[in-house]
Amino acid sequence: MESVVRLSPDDTVVTAVRALKPGETIDGITVGQPVPKGHKLARHAMTRGAPVLKNSQLIGLTLDDISAGADDHTQPVVFPH
């Protein structure tokens, strides 16, 4: 069973389908902090203002730098109007 789901190759985040532990390498991503099931995980480092894409759709913009493997669900993201 897969540990994460990526809906599109363009996505900047993947969704955890189980709890992930720091240090695990999943889909080429090293998990940086505990990630609960259902949370989004950054596929790569993103700078402030970077688009957050899920299923190739813009779901927000980062308000801060986000490191690869960070729990994007808890990171500051502003949703576009």
Protein backbone atom coordinates (compact mmCIF):
# COMPACT_ATOMS: atom_id res chain seq x y z
CA MET A 1 0.00 0.00 0.00
CA GLU A 2 1.22 3.47 -0.84
CA SER A 3 2.03 5.85 2.01
CA VAL A 4 1.10 9.01 0.10
CA VAL A 5 -1.18 9.94 -2.78
CA ARG A 6 -0.17 12.37 -5.52
CA LEU A 7 -3.14 13.26 -7.69
CA SER A 8 -1.13 14.91 -10.49
CA PRO A 9 2.54 14.97 -11.49
CA ASP A 10 2.36 18.80 -11.21
CA ASP A 11 1.33 18.73 -7.53
CA THR A 12 3.65 20.42 -5.02
CA VAL A 13 2.13 18.39 -2.17
CA VAL A 14 1.16 14.78 -1.56
CA THR A 15 -1.43 13.52 0.94
CA ALA A 16 -0.45 11.04 3.64
CA VAL A 17 -2.66 7.93 3.67
CA ARG A 18 -1.12 6.85 6.98
CA ALA A 19 0.77 8.60 9.76
CA LEU A 20 4.35 9.33 8.69
CA LYS A 21 7.37 9.51 11.00
CA PRO A 22 10.33 11.89 10.79
CA GLY A 23 13.22 10.40 8.84
CA GLU A 24 11.06 8.12 6.65
CA THR A 25 11.70 8.46 2.93
CA ILE A 26 8.44 8.32 1.00
CA ASP A 27 8.15 8.91 -2.76
CA GLY A 28 11.65 10.45 -2.72
CA ILE A 29 10.71 12.81 0.12
CA THR A 30 12.35 12.63 3.55
CA VAL A 31 9.70 13.35 6.18
CA GLY A 32 10.84 16.22 8.40
CA GLN A 33 8.28 16.03 11.22
CA PRO A 34 5.39 13.78 12.23
CA VAL A 35 2.68 13.95 9.55
CA PRO A 36 -0.77 12.65 10.54
CA LYS A 37 -2.90 10.68 8.11
CA GLY A 38 -4.73 13.02 5.75
CA HIS A 39 -2.24 15.88 6.03
CA LYS A 40 -0.35 17.29 3.05
CA LEU A 41 3.41 16.87 2.74
CA ALA A 42 5.59 19.29 0.76
CA ARG A 43 7.28 17.47 -2.15
CA HIS A 44 10.10 20.01 -2.33
CA ALA A 45 11.21 23.23 -0.65
CA MET A 46 8.92 26.17 -1.40
CA THR A 47 9.70 29.84 -0.90
CA ARG A 48 7.31 32.46 0.44
CA GLY A 49 4.53 33.14 -2.11
CA ALA A 50 5.00 29.81 -3.93
CA PRO A 51 1.86 28.13 -5.29
CA VAL A 52 0.57 25.06 -3.46
CA LEU A 53 -0.90 22.69 -6.06
CA LYS A 54 -3.10 19.66 -5.43
CA ASN A 55 -4.67 17.82 -8.37
CA SER A 56 -3.02 20.49 -10.55
CA GLN A 57 -5.24 23.11 -8.87
CA LEU A 58 -4.01 26.12 -6.94
CA ILE A 59 -5.13 25.61 -3.34
CA GLY A 60 -3.03 28.33 -1.74
CA LEU A 61 0.16 30.36 -1.61
CA THR A 62 2.84 29.88 1.04
CA LEU A 63 3.16 32.66 3.60
CA ASP A 64 6.59 31.45 4.68
CA ASP A 65 9.34 29.24 3.34
CA ILE A 66 8.40 25.55 3.64
CA SER A 67 11.05 22.86 3.64
CA ALA A 68 10.77 19.64 1.66
CA GLY A 69 9.09 16.98 3.78
CA ALA A 70 7.30 19.49 6.02
CA ASP A 71 3.68 18.97 7.07
CA ASP A 72 2.16 21.50 4.68
CA HIS A 73 -1.18 21.12 6.47
CA THR A 74 0.20 23.04 9.47
CA GLN A 75 2.35 25.53 7.55
CA PRO A 76 1.08 29.04 6.85
CA VAL A 77 -0.79 29.08 3.54
CA VAL A 78 -3.12 31.80 2.29
CA PHE A 79 -5.97 30.78 0.06
CA PRO A 80 -6.42 32.80 -3.14
CA HIS A 81 -9.56 34.88 -3.58
